[in-house]
Amino acid sequence: MTTDAGTETAPTTAGRVADLHRIKQQAVLGPGDAATAAQHAKGKLTARERLALLLDDGSFQEVEPLRRHRASGFGLEHRKPYTDGVITGWGTVHGRTVFVYAHDFRIFGGALGEAHAAKIHKIMDMALAAGAPLISLNDGAGARIQEGVTALAGYGGIFLRNTRASGVIPQISVMLGPCAGGAAYSPALTDFVFMVRETSQMFITGPDVVQAVTGEKISQNGLGGADVHHHTSGVCHFAYDDEATCLEEVRYLLSLLPANNRTPPPVQLTADPADRRCESLADLVPADGSRTYDMRRVVEEITDDGEYMEIQERWATNIIVALARMDGHTVGIVASQPQSMAGVLDINAAEKAARFVQMCDAFNIPLVTLLDVPGFLPGVGQEHGGIIRHGAKLLYAYCNATVPRVQMILRKAYGGAYIVMDSRSVGADLSFAWPTNEIAVMGAEGAANVIFRRRIQDADDPDAMRRRMVKEYQAELMHPYYAAERGLIDDVIDPAETREVLVGALRVLRGKHADLPLRKHGNPPQ
């Protein structure tokens, strides 16, 4: 440091502080206005703009903002921007601590290098140690090619930490740009994946490689866009039209989840009475098992203020999984959807419900199962596709769950699907049914054709005999009180009392404690 006279003076604290502010301001501003304008031109926000929407105002505390890469060669030695393309730190959402990292696409396209990965590893370790949720805002071009194998090793460290944190803290991946190659496996290891239409994509091999290998020509969105993963693959749990809505929904999801697996979800006071009668349910659900209805209307009737957050809404639509509140407490709802494929269970529905049950069990969220299921979907495609092992995933998840579990049978509950959907025999704490319930090995028509096949064939009027045998089977084995008489359900209730009964059951089970046998881990069906 020199004076006007040219003599050297010792550096001052004020001068060093001024230098610090200048450097930090440079880190915050990033690569400049042109890069920011290019990001906005793509319909995308910058990393810091996203953090401002996600976190409570003024709560963000950045970690390692001055980190820069150490690589040399291939032009990197002349480009050493602060943050190295990822912003890491912690803040609050609704006053509760969360940890977060956000790729900055303006710097190296958000590509991951050694320093970039080290920052992510650190924040993941801090989240796990603190027992707080981890959110990743993904907008990166994959591994930084100039850094070679060190970049690949960085991904390995992320995958390891994703796996170790699984079931310990909630992990949420928010896809706000491209995510290709091995980078896509980190979101797949987390609990929830959010995507934004048109601007976010996920795939292992891009359109150019697909065309070169298979001859198929397809766009990035057609291959791995939000709607593809929300409707077809099931990789995406939530899809939205813009980033602001997406990030607001992330905040809402966090309000329903606990900080970690050792704490209960937050309780929200409600003015919705616990004993509110649901008189409309009797009209919503036709007594005739062949008539369809929308199970979402039932969910709206029984939850606090009719609010719920459906997960994977557009995939495996024959089953509904949702988070909601009842009596102010978070619950997980698994429900047949008669409006889609008559509510049968198939491969995708079993996988969707199984993973949801496991998530709820990991994070101390009680389970309510609403049942109106005619069985598993028959067919060569389902059998060859492995319905046995996929259906077993749902069975395993329920059998393994130790959270409070309440089953409510609305109408049909046939065959193996009845057992799998949290019956008393697989560990449900309480099971209730409406007076319209039919619990049986199969429908009356099919059962009569099997049991009375010869009698029907030999009758002078086979059709009349079949109708008679169907009625006989229904009267003897499918009447609403058959299961209750044998202790397989705990009570048959008035549909209008559904909310009151469920809330009462969940209250009494709130202190439930159940231990699994000592083991390293189970070996669930794959």
Protein backbone atom coordinates (compact mmCIF):
# COMPACT_ATOMS: atom_id res chain seq x y z
CA MET A 1 0.00 0.00 0.00
CA THR A 2 1.43 3.45 -0.95
CA THR A 3 0.61 7.08 -0.19
CA ASP A 4 0.50 10.01 -2.64
CA ALA A 5 4.13 10.70 -1.79
CA GLY A 6 5.00 7.18 -2.92
CA THR A 7 6.07 5.91 0.49
CA GLU A 8 4.91 2.48 1.56
CA THR A 9 2.44 2.16 4.42
CA ALA A 10 1.25 -0.90 6.31
CA PRO A 11 -2.16 -2.30 5.32
CA THR A 12 -5.00 -1.25 7.57
CA THR A 13 -7.91 -3.27 8.84
CA ALA A 14 -10.28 -0.88 7.11
CA GLY A 15 -8.45 -1.44 3.83
CA ARG A 16 -8.60 -5.19 4.19
CA VAL A 17 -12.32 -5.03 5.01
CA ALA A 18 -12.89 -2.92 1.93
CA ASP A 19 -11.05 -5.53 -0.15
CA LEU A 20 -13.20 -8.25 1.42
CA HIS A 21 -16.44 -6.44 0.54
CA ARG A 22 -15.22 -5.91 -3.02
CA ILE A 23 -14.34 -9.59 -3.47
CA LYS A 24 -17.59 -10.80 -1.92
CA GLN A 25 -19.57 -8.41 -4.09
CA GLN A 26 -17.78 -9.86 -7.09
CA ALA A 27 -18.75 -13.38 -5.94
CA VAL A 28 -22.38 -12.35 -5.51
CA LEU A 29 -22.61 -10.63 -8.88
CA GLY A 30 -21.11 -13.62 -10.66
CA PRO A 31 -20.03 -13.48 -14.28
CA GLY A 32 -21.90 -10.26 -15.09
CA ASP A 33 -24.98 -8.78 -16.68
CA ALA A 34 -24.57 -10.48 -20.07
CA ALA A 35 -24.57 -13.95 -18.51
CA THR A 36 -27.58 -13.03 -16.37
CA ALA A 37 -29.46 -11.74 -19.41
CA ALA A 38 -28.69 -15.00 -21.25
CA GLN A 39 -30.11 -16.99 -18.33
CA HIS A 40 -33.27 -14.88 -18.27
CA ALA A 41 -33.63 -15.22 -22.04
CA LYS A 42 -33.99 -18.97 -21.55
CA GLY A 43 -36.90 -18.36 -19.18
CA LYS A 44 -34.77 -19.24 -16.16
CA LEU A 45 -33.88 -17.39 -12.98
CA THR A 46 -30.35 -17.12 -11.62
CA ALA A 47 -29.28 -19.27 -8.69
CA ARG A 48 -29.50 -16.39 -6.22
CA GLU A 49 -32.93 -15.33 -7.49
CA ARG A 50 -34.10 -18.89 -6.89
CA LEU A 51 -32.70 -18.94 -3.38
CA ALA A 52 -34.52 -15.68 -2.64
CA LEU A 53 -37.83 -17.31 -3.64
CA LEU A 54 -37.19 -20.55 -1.75
CA LEU A 55 -35.91 -19.20 1.57
CA ASP A 56 -37.36 -16.81 4.12
CA ASP A 57 -36.28 -13.22 3.52
CA GLY A 58 -32.77 -12.49 4.76
CA SER A 59 -32.21 -15.98 6.16
CA PHE A 60 -29.59 -17.30 3.72
CA GLN A 61 -26.10 -17.85 5.08
CA GLU A 62 -23.65 -18.74 2.33
CA VAL A 63 -20.78 -21.20 2.81
CA GLU A 64 -17.52 -20.98 0.85
CA PRO A 65 -18.53 -18.13 -1.48
CA LEU A 66 -14.86 -17.52 -2.29
CA ARG A 67 -14.02 -21.10 -3.31
CA ARG A 68 -12.30 -21.43 -6.69
CA HIS A 69 -11.08 -24.44 -8.64
CA ARG A 70 -7.41 -25.47 -8.73
CA ALA A 71 -7.45 -27.05 -12.18
CA SER A 72 -5.07 -26.00 -14.95
CA GLY A 73 -5.00 -26.62 -18.66
CA PHE A 74 -7.70 -26.52 -21.33
CA GLY A 75 -8.20 -22.82 -20.59
CA LEU A 76 -9.29 -23.27 -16.96
CA GLU A 77 -6.14 -21.64 -15.58
CA HIS A 78 -7.38 -18.31 -16.93
CA ARG A 79 -10.96 -18.76 -15.63
CA LYS A 80 -11.23 -19.03 -11.86
CA PRO A 81 -14.57 -17.47 -10.86
CA TYR A 82 -15.64 -17.32 -7.24
CA THR A 83 -18.20 -19.97 -6.07
CA ASP A 84 -16.99 -22.30 -8.87
CA GLY A 85 -20.52 -22.51 -10.24
CA VAL A 86 -22.43 -23.64 -7.14
CA ILE A 87 -23.88 -21.64 -4.25
CA THR A 88 -24.13 -23.49 -0.94
CA GLY A 89 -25.42 -22.62 2.50
CA TRP A 90 -28.37 -22.71 4.83
CA GLY A 91 -31.45 -20.66 5.57
CA THR A 92 -34.99 -21.09 6.83
CA VAL A 93 -38.33 -22.02 5.29
CA HIS A 94 -41.31 -21.05 7.47
CA GLY A 95 -38.76 -20.43 10.22
CA ARG A 96 -37.25 -23.94 10.09
CA THR A 97 -33.64 -24.56 9.07
CA VAL A 98 -32.86 -26.13 5.69
CA PHE A 99 -29.61 -26.65 3.82
CA VAL A 100 -29.39 -25.92 0.13
CA TYR A 101 -27.11 -25.90 -2.86
CA ALA A 102 -27.88 -24.22 -6.18
CA HIS A 103 -26.03 -24.64 -9.47
CA ASP A 104 -25.14 -21.37 -11.18
CA PHE A 105 -25.51 -22.12 -14.89
CA ARG A 106 -23.81 -18.82 -15.73
CA ILE A 107 -20.49 -20.27 -14.55
CA PHE A 108 -19.17 -23.19 -16.60
CA GLY A 109 -22.78 -24.10 -17.38
CA GLY A 110 -23.14 -25.29 -13.79
CA ALA A 111 -20.78 -28.19 -14.62
CA LEU A 112 -19.35 -30.08 -11.66
CA GLY A 113 -15.62 -30.07 -10.95
CA GLU A 114 -13.50 -30.98 -7.94
CA ALA A 115 -14.02 -27.75 -5.95
CA HIS A 116 -17.69 -27.58 -6.98
CA ALA A 117 -18.24 -31.13 -5.69
CA ALA A 118 -16.34 -30.46 -2.46
CA LYS A 119 -18.71 -27.60 -1.67
CA ILE A 120 -21.73 -29.82 -2.22
CA HIS A 121 -20.21 -32.63 -0.12
CA LYS A 122 -19.66 -30.19 2.73
CA ILE A 123 -23.22 -28.86 2.75
CA MET A 124 -24.64 -32.39 2.52
CA ASP A 125 -22.51 -33.44 5.50
CA MET A 126 -23.68 -30.41 7.45
CA ALA A 127 -27.33 -31.14 6.69
CA LEU A 128 -27.00 -34.71 7.90
CA ALA A 129 -25.11 -33.68 11.04
CA ALA A 130 -27.63 -30.94 11.85
CA GLY A 131 -30.63 -33.16 11.10
CA ALA A 132 -32.21 -30.69 8.67
CA PRO A 133 -33.71 -31.08 5.17
CA LEU A 134 -31.48 -30.76 2.10
CA ILE A 135 -32.72 -29.07 -1.08
CA SER A 136 -30.78 -29.05 -4.34
CA LEU A 137 -31.59 -26.53 -7.09
CA ASN A 138 -30.27 -28.34 -10.15
CA ASP A 139 -29.27 -26.51 -13.31
CA GLY A 140 -26.03 -27.99 -14.57
CA ALA A 141 -24.43 -29.46 -17.65
CA GLY A 142 -22.99 -32.53 -15.92
CA ALA A 143 -19.36 -33.32 -15.21
CA ARG A 144 -16.72 -30.71 -16.08
CA ILE A 145 -14.89 -32.44 -18.91
CA GLN A 146 -11.68 -30.44 -18.39
CA GLU A 147 -11.26 -31.92 -14.91
CA GLY A 148 -11.61 -35.54 -16.00
CA VAL A 149 -11.95 -38.27 -13.44
CA THR A 150 -11.94 -35.91 -10.46
CA ALA A 151 -15.30 -34.61 -11.63
CA LEU A 152 -16.67 -38.15 -11.84
CA ALA A 153 -15.38 -38.88 -8.34
CA GLY A 154 -17.24 -35.78 -7.17
CA TYR A 155 -20.51 -37.31 -8.33
CA GLY A 156 -19.68 -40.52 -6.53
CA GLY A 157 -19.34 -38.58 -3.29
CA ILE A 158 -22.76 -36.99 -3.82
CA PHE A 159 -24.41 -40.37 -4.48
CA LEU A 160 -22.83 -41.83 -1.35
CA ARG A 161 -24.15 -38.98 0.78
CA ASN A 162 -27.61 -39.15 -0.83
CA THR A 163 -27.79 -42.79 0.15
CA ARG A 164 -26.55 -42.32 3.70
CA ALA A 165 -29.01 -39.48 4.27
CA SER A 166 -31.91 -41.49 2.83
CA GLY A 167 -34.61 -41.93 5.45
CA VAL A 168 -32.68 -39.71 7.88
CA ILE A 169 -33.39 -36.23 6.51
CA PRO A 170 -35.80 -35.19 3.75
CA GLN A 171 -33.99 -34.68 0.45
CA ILE A 172 -35.67 -32.64 -2.28
CA SER A 173 -34.34 -32.18 -5.81
CA VAL A 174 -35.63 -29.22 -7.81
CA MET A 175 -34.84 -29.54 -11.51
CA LEU A 176 -34.56 -26.07 -13.05
CA GLY A 177 -32.43 -26.81 -16.10
CA PRO A 178 -30.66 -29.73 -17.76
CA CYS A 179 -29.51 -32.79 -15.82
CA ALA A 180 -27.81 -35.40 -18.00
CA GLY A 181 -25.75 -38.54 -17.63
CA GLY A 182 -24.67 -39.73 -14.21
CA ALA A 183 -25.81 -36.45 -12.67
CA ALA A 184 -29.40 -37.68 -12.98
CA TYR A 185 -28.83 -40.38 -10.39
CA SER A 186 -28.59 -37.94 -7.48
CA PRO A 187 -32.19 -36.70 -7.93
CA ALA A 188 -33.32 -40.29 -8.38
CA LEU A 189 -31.86 -41.11 -4.94
CA THR A 190 -33.73 -38.28 -3.19
CA ASP A 191 -37.23 -38.33 -1.72
CA PHE A 192 -38.92 -35.87 -4.07
CA VAL A 193 -38.21 -34.50 -7.55
CA PHE A 194 -39.74 -31.23 -8.78
CA MET A 195 -39.51 -30.14 -12.43
CA VAL A 196 -40.46 -27.08 -14.49
CA ARG A 197 -42.02 -27.56 -17.90
CA GLU A 198 -40.00 -26.53 -20.98
CA THR A 199 -36.85 -25.57 -19.06
CA SER A 200 -35.84 -28.70 -17.13
CA GLN A 201 -34.84 -32.07 -18.55
CA MET A 202 -33.40 -35.29 -17.15
CA PHE A 203 -31.91 -38.16 -19.16
CA ILE A 204 -28.98 -40.56 -19.05
CA THR A 205 -28.16 -40.24 -22.77
CA GLY A 206 -29.17 -37.17 -24.74
CA PRO A 207 -31.13 -36.94 -28.00
CA ASP A 208 -27.99 -36.98 -30.19
CA VAL A 209 -26.74 -40.22 -28.67
CA VAL A 210 -30.19 -41.78 -28.85
CA GLN A 211 -30.43 -40.92 -32.54
CA ALA A 212 -26.92 -42.20 -33.28
CA VAL A 213 -27.53 -45.53 -31.54
CA THR A 214 -31.21 -46.22 -32.30
CA GLY A 215 -32.06 -43.91 -35.17
CA GLU A 216 -34.85 -42.31 -33.11
CA LYS A 217 -35.07 -38.54 -33.46
CA ILE A 218 -36.46 -36.75 -30.43
CA SER A 219 -36.20 -33.38 -28.69
CA GLN A 220 -34.76 -32.84 -25.22
CA ASN A 221 -38.21 -32.26 -23.75
CA GLY A 222 -39.63 -35.20 -25.63
CA LEU A 223 -36.91 -37.42 -24.22
CA GLY A 224 -36.70 -36.20 -20.64
CA GLY A 225 -38.89 -33.15 -20.05
CA ALA A 226 -41.13 -32.52 -17.06
CA ASP A 227 -44.28 -33.96 -18.61
CA VAL A 228 -42.47 -37.11 -19.76
CA HIS A 229 -41.22 -37.82 -16.25
CA HIS A 230 -44.50 -36.75 -14.63
CA HIS A 231 -46.78 -38.80 -16.92
CA THR A 232 -44.70 -41.67 -18.32
CA SER A 233 -41.63 -42.60 -16.29
CA GLY A 234 -42.73 -41.60 -12.78
CA VAL A 235 -39.31 -40.05 -12.08
CA CYS A 236 -40.86 -36.63 -11.38
CA HIS A 237 -43.17 -36.18 -8.37
CA PHE A 238 -44.32 -32.63 -9.17
CA ALA A 239 -44.33 -30.59 -12.42
CA TYR A 240 -45.13 -26.89 -12.73
CA ASP A 241 -45.25 -24.23 -15.44
CA ASP A 242 -42.85 -21.73 -13.85
CA GLU A 243 -40.07 -21.56 -11.31
CA ALA A 244 -41.85 -19.27 -8.85
CA THR A 245 -44.79 -21.67 -8.48
CA CYS A 246 -42.44 -24.64 -8.26
CA LEU A 247 -40.40 -23.12 -5.44
CA GLU A 248 -43.52 -22.03 -3.56
CA GLU A 249 -44.74 -25.64 -3.67
CA VAL A 250 -41.38 -26.83 -2.34
CA ARG A 251 -41.95 -24.53 0.63
CA TYR A 252 -45.42 -26.04 1.12
CA LEU A 253 -44.06 -29.58 1.00
CA LEU A 254 -41.46 -28.71 3.63
CA SER A 255 -44.25 -27.47 5.92
CA LEU A 256 -45.67 -31.02 5.90
CA LEU A 257 -42.39 -32.83 6.60
CA PRO A 258 -40.34 -33.23 9.78
CA ALA A 259 -36.77 -31.98 9.98
CA ASN A 260 -35.47 -35.54 10.29
CA ASN A 261 -36.41 -39.11 11.20
CA ARG A 262 -36.17 -38.43 14.95
CA THR A 263 -38.80 -35.70 15.09
CA PRO A 264 -42.52 -35.59 14.26
CA PRO A 265 -43.86 -33.42 11.44
CA PRO A 266 -44.89 -29.89 12.45
CA VAL A 267 -48.43 -29.44 13.77
CA GLN A 268 -50.63 -26.70 12.37
CA LEU A 269 -53.64 -25.54 14.32
CA THR A 270 -56.90 -25.82 12.41
CA ALA A 271 -60.42 -24.53 12.86
CA ASP A 272 -61.80 -27.58 11.04
CA PRO A 273 -63.52 -29.64 13.77
CA ALA A 274 -62.14 -33.12 14.35
CA ASP A 275 -65.68 -34.47 14.71
CA ARG A 276 -67.03 -32.78 11.58
CA ARG A 277 -69.56 -35.03 9.91
CA CYS A 278 -69.09 -35.79 6.22
CA GLU A 279 -72.70 -36.19 5.14
CA SER A 280 -71.87 -35.87 1.45
CA LEU A 281 -69.73 -39.05 1.39
CA ALA A 282 -72.75 -41.30 1.11
CA ASP A 283 -73.72 -39.51 -2.10
CA LEU A 284 -70.15 -39.23 -3.44
CA VAL A 285 -69.54 -42.98 -3.32
CA PRO A 286 -72.24 -45.04 -5.08
CA ALA A 287 -73.23 -48.25 -3.29
CA ASP A 288 -73.17 -50.02 -6.65
CA GLY A 289 -69.62 -51.32 -6.99
CA SER A 290 -69.74 -51.09 -10.78
CA ARG A 291 -70.23 -47.30 -10.74
CA THR A 292 -67.21 -45.02 -10.73
CA TYR A 293 -66.41 -41.88 -8.71
CA ASP A 294 -63.44 -39.62 -7.96
CA MET A 295 -61.62 -40.67 -4.76
CA ARG A 296 -60.10 -37.19 -4.58
CA ARG A 297 -63.51 -35.92 -3.48
CA VAL A 298 -63.38 -38.33 -0.54
CA VAL A 299 -59.88 -37.13 0.39
CA GLU A 300 -61.10 -33.52 0.30
CA GLU A 301 -64.01 -34.35 2.61
CA ILE A 302 -61.94 -35.98 5.35
CA THR A 303 -58.81 -33.77 5.45
CA ASP A 304 -58.40 -30.45 7.26
CA ASP A 305 -60.06 -27.72 5.16
CA GLY A 306 -60.06 -30.08 2.18
CA GLU A 307 -56.35 -29.45 1.53
CA TYR A 308 -53.89 -32.11 0.42
CA MET A 309 -50.74 -32.38 -1.71
CA GLU A 310 -50.97 -35.18 -4.24
CA ILE A 311 -47.69 -36.80 -5.27
CA GLN A 312 -47.01 -38.19 -8.76
CA GLU A 313 -50.49 -37.07 -9.74
CA ARG A 314 -50.16 -37.94 -13.44
CA TRP A 315 -48.37 -41.28 -13.13
CA ALA A 316 -50.10 -44.54 -12.13
CA THR A 317 -53.38 -42.66 -11.81
CA ASN A 318 -55.23 -45.75 -10.58
CA ILE A 319 -53.83 -45.02 -7.12
CA ILE A 320 -53.59 -41.76 -5.18
CA VAL A 321 -50.80 -40.95 -2.74
CA ALA A 322 -50.91 -37.62 -0.92
CA LEU A 323 -49.77 -35.71 2.13
CA ALA A 324 -52.44 -33.86 4.08
CA ARG A 325 -53.37 -32.85 7.60
CA MET A 326 -56.00 -34.30 9.89
CA ASP A 327 -56.56 -32.64 13.26
CA GLY A 328 -53.55 -30.45 12.43
CA HIS A 329 -51.17 -33.42 12.06
CA THR A 330 -49.54 -34.57 8.84
CA VAL A 331 -50.82 -37.89 7.46
CA GLY A 332 -49.96 -39.92 4.39
CA ILE A 333 -52.95 -41.05 2.36
CA VAL A 334 -52.91 -44.06 0.03
CA ALA A 335 -56.18 -44.43 -1.86
CA SER A 336 -57.58 -46.51 -4.69
CA GLN A 337 -58.88 -44.40 -7.58
CA PRO A 338 -61.97 -46.05 -9.12
CA GLN A 339 -62.05 -43.31 -11.75
CA SER A 340 -58.91 -44.75 -13.37
CA MET A 341 -58.78 -48.42 -14.45
CA ALA A 342 -61.52 -49.10 -11.86
CA GLY A 343 -58.86 -48.70 -9.17
CA VAL A 344 -57.06 -51.98 -9.88
CA LEU A 345 -53.48 -52.43 -8.74
CA ASP A 346 -50.86 -52.82 -11.45
CA ILE A 347 -47.06 -52.66 -11.61
CA ASN A 348 -46.80 -48.86 -11.61
CA ALA A 349 -49.44 -48.36 -8.91
CA ALA A 350 -47.71 -50.87 -6.62
CA GLU A 351 -44.33 -49.15 -7.07
CA LYS A 352 -45.80 -45.68 -6.55
CA ALA A 353 -47.59 -46.64 -3.34
CA ALA A 354 -44.69 -48.71 -2.00
CA ARG A 355 -42.20 -45.89 -2.17
CA PHE A 356 -44.68 -43.46 -0.63
CA VAL A 357 -45.36 -45.85 2.27
CA GLN A 358 -41.61 -46.20 2.86
CA MET A 359 -41.15 -42.43 2.85
CA CYS A 360 -43.96 -41.91 5.35
CA ASP A 361 -42.62 -44.64 7.61
CA ALA A 362 -39.10 -43.18 7.49
CA PHE A 363 -40.33 -39.74 8.57
CA ASN A 364 -42.90 -40.64 11.23
CA ILE A 365 -45.96 -39.85 9.13
CA PRO A 366 -49.05 -41.97 9.98
CA LEU A 367 -50.72 -43.80 7.11
CA VAL A 368 -54.41 -43.77 6.18
CA THR A 369 -55.42 -46.25 3.45
CA LEU A 370 -58.73 -45.74 1.65
CA LEU A 371 -59.70 -48.96 -0.06
CA ASP A 372 -61.92 -49.66 -3.05
CA VAL A 373 -59.92 -52.16 -5.08
CA PRO A 374 -61.21 -54.97 -7.32
CA GLY A 375 -57.86 -56.78 -7.39
CA PHE A 376 -54.63 -56.85 -9.38
CA LEU A 377 -54.74 -56.10 -13.09
CA PRO A 378 -54.79 -59.40 -15.03
CA GLY A 379 -52.90 -59.84 -18.29
CA VAL A 380 -49.86 -61.30 -19.97
CA GLY A 381 -48.10 -57.92 -20.00
CA GLN A 382 -48.46 -57.55 -16.25
CA GLU A 383 -47.31 -61.09 -15.49
CA HIS A 384 -44.34 -60.88 -17.85
CA GLY A 385 -43.55 -57.42 -16.49
CA GLY A 386 -43.16 -58.86 -13.00
CA ILE A 387 -46.38 -57.96 -11.21
CA ILE A 388 -45.47 -60.55 -8.59
CA ARG A 389 -42.25 -58.86 -7.52
CA HIS A 390 -43.59 -55.33 -8.03
CA GLY A 391 -46.75 -56.06 -6.06
CA ALA A 392 -44.55 -57.56 -3.36
CA LYS A 393 -42.83 -54.18 -2.98
CA LEU A 394 -46.07 -52.67 -1.69
CA LEU A 395 -46.67 -55.65 0.56
CA TYR A 396 -43.13 -55.38 1.95
CA ALA A 397 -43.46 -51.64 2.53
CA TYR A 398 -46.66 -51.99 4.56
CA CYS A 399 -45.44 -55.02 6.52
CA ASN A 400 -42.23 -53.14 7.38
CA ALA A 401 -43.91 -49.88 8.43
CA THR A 402 -44.05 -49.10 12.15
CA VAL A 403 -45.94 -45.79 12.04
CA PRO A 404 -49.65 -45.71 12.98
CA ARG A 405 -51.66 -47.38 10.19
CA VAL A 406 -55.42 -47.13 9.72
CA GLN A 407 -57.38 -48.82 6.93
CA MET A 408 -60.81 -47.67 5.74
CA ILE A 409 -62.72 -49.94 3.32
CA LEU A 410 -65.28 -48.00 1.30
CA ARG A 411 -66.57 -50.63 -1.14
CA LYS A 412 -64.70 -53.46 -2.87
CA ALA A 413 -61.72 -55.21 -1.31
CA TYR A 414 -60.99 -58.33 -3.32
CA GLY A 415 -58.26 -60.94 -3.28
CA GLY A 416 -54.58 -60.26 -2.86
CA ALA A 417 -55.12 -56.54 -3.41
CA TYR A 418 -57.16 -56.41 -0.18
CA ILE A 419 -54.32 -58.05 1.74
CA VAL A 420 -51.62 -55.86 0.20
CA MET A 421 -53.47 -52.60 0.85
CA ASP A 422 -52.72 -52.61 4.59
CA SER A 423 -55.15 -55.22 5.88
CA ARG A 424 -55.18 -56.22 9.52
CA SER A 425 -53.33 -59.41 8.62
CA VAL A 426 -50.26 -57.44 7.46
CA GLY A 427 -50.18 -55.18 10.50
CA ALA A 428 -52.71 -52.38 10.18
CA ASP A 429 -53.43 -51.10 13.68
CA LEU A 430 -57.12 -50.46 13.02
CA SER A 431 -59.43 -51.34 10.16
CA PHE A 432 -62.85 -49.82 9.56
CA ALA A 433 -65.43 -50.31 6.83
CA TRP A 434 -68.51 -48.66 5.45
CA PRO A 435 -71.73 -50.70 5.26
CA THR A 436 -71.21 -50.82 1.48
CA ASN A 437 -68.04 -52.91 1.86
CA GLU A 438 -67.48 -56.20 0.07
CA ILE A 439 -64.44 -58.13 1.28
CA ALA A 440 -63.90 -61.39 -0.56
CA VAL A 441 -61.44 -63.52 -2.47
CA MET A 442 -63.00 -62.24 -5.69
CA GLY A 443 -66.19 -60.69 -7.03
CA ALA A 444 -69.42 -62.64 -6.61
CA GLU A 445 -69.79 -63.33 -10.33
CA GLY A 446 -66.33 -64.87 -10.65
CA ALA A 447 -66.64 -66.78 -7.40
CA ALA A 448 -69.97 -68.31 -8.38
CA ASN A 449 -68.56 -69.40 -11.75
CA VAL A 450 -65.75 -71.25 -9.96
CA ILE A 451 -67.62 -72.76 -7.01
CA PHE A 452 -70.87 -73.67 -8.75
CA ARG A 453 -69.51 -74.27 -12.25
CA ARG A 454 -70.92 -77.80 -12.61
CA ARG A 455 -74.29 -76.92 -11.09
CA ILE A 456 -74.62 -73.98 -13.49
CA GLN A 457 -73.63 -76.10 -16.49
CA ASP A 458 -76.12 -78.84 -15.61
CA ALA A 459 -79.06 -76.50 -14.95
CA ASP A 460 -81.98 -76.28 -17.33
CA ASP A 461 -81.53 -72.50 -17.31
CA PRO A 462 -77.78 -71.80 -16.71
CA ASP A 463 -78.23 -68.01 -16.65
CA ALA A 464 -80.94 -68.18 -14.02
CA MET A 465 -78.87 -70.63 -11.95
CA ARG A 466 -75.82 -68.36 -12.22
CA ARG A 467 -77.81 -65.37 -10.94
CA ARG A 468 -79.13 -67.46 -8.07
CA MET A 469 -75.65 -68.69 -7.10
CA VAL A 470 -74.24 -65.15 -7.28
CA LYS A 471 -76.91 -63.95 -4.86
CA GLU A 472 -76.25 -66.90 -2.58
CA TYR A 473 -72.52 -66.21 -2.50
CA GLN A 474 -73.13 -62.52 -1.81
CA ALA A 475 -75.54 -63.31 1.02
CA GLU A 476 -73.26 -65.85 2.68
CA LEU A 477 -69.73 -64.50 2.20
CA MET A 478 -69.88 -60.89 1.00
CA HIS A 479 -72.32 -59.19 3.32
CA PRO A 480 -70.94 -56.06 5.04
CA TYR A 481 -70.61 -57.65 8.48
CA TYR A 482 -68.93 -60.93 7.54
CA ALA A 483 -65.39 -59.59 8.18
CA ALA A 484 -66.48 -57.74 11.33
CA GLU A 485 -68.01 -60.90 12.77
CA ARG A 486 -64.64 -62.61 12.37
CA GLY A 487 -62.59 -59.75 13.82
CA LEU A 488 -60.90 -58.84 10.53
CA ILE A 489 -62.19 -55.27 10.73
CA ASP A 490 -62.71 -53.33 13.93
CA ASP A 491 -66.02 -51.67 13.16
CA VAL A 492 -68.54 -50.91 10.44
CA ILE A 493 -69.28 -47.18 10.49
CA ASP A 494 -71.62 -44.60 9.03
CA PRO A 495 -69.74 -42.93 6.11
CA ALA A 496 -70.59 -39.54 7.61
CA GLU A 497 -68.44 -40.46 10.64
CA THR A 498 -65.33 -41.21 8.55
CA ARG A 499 -63.33 -38.11 9.50
CA GLU A 500 -64.24 -38.37 13.18
CA VAL A 501 -63.32 -42.07 13.33
CA LEU A 502 -60.01 -41.58 11.51
CA VAL A 503 -59.00 -38.62 13.67
CA GLY A 504 -59.87 -40.54 16.83
CA ALA A 505 -57.89 -43.57 15.68
CA LEU A 506 -54.84 -41.47 14.81
CA ARG A 507 -55.01 -39.70 18.17
CA VAL A 508 -54.98 -42.92 20.13
CA LEU A 509 -52.13 -44.31 18.01
CA ARG A 510 -49.98 -41.19 18.23
CA GLY A 511 -47.83 -42.71 20.96
CA LYS A 512 -47.38 -46.02 19.12
CA HIS A 513 -43.97 -47.64 19.46
CA ALA A 514 -43.03 -50.70 17.46
CA ASP A 515 -39.64 -52.31 16.95
CA LEU A 516 -38.52 -54.42 14.02
CA PRO A 517 -36.28 -57.46 14.54
CA LEU A 518 -32.58 -56.61 14.90
CA ARG A 519 -30.98 -56.75 11.46
CA LYS A 520 -28.57 -54.83 9.27
CA HIS A 521 -31.34 -54.15 6.76
CA GLY A 522 -34.05 -56.04 4.96
CA ASN A 523 -33.82 -57.37 1.42
CA PRO A 524 -36.94 -55.98 -0.28
CA PRO A 525 -38.17 -57.36 -3.60
CA GLN A 526 -36.73 -55.63 -6.64
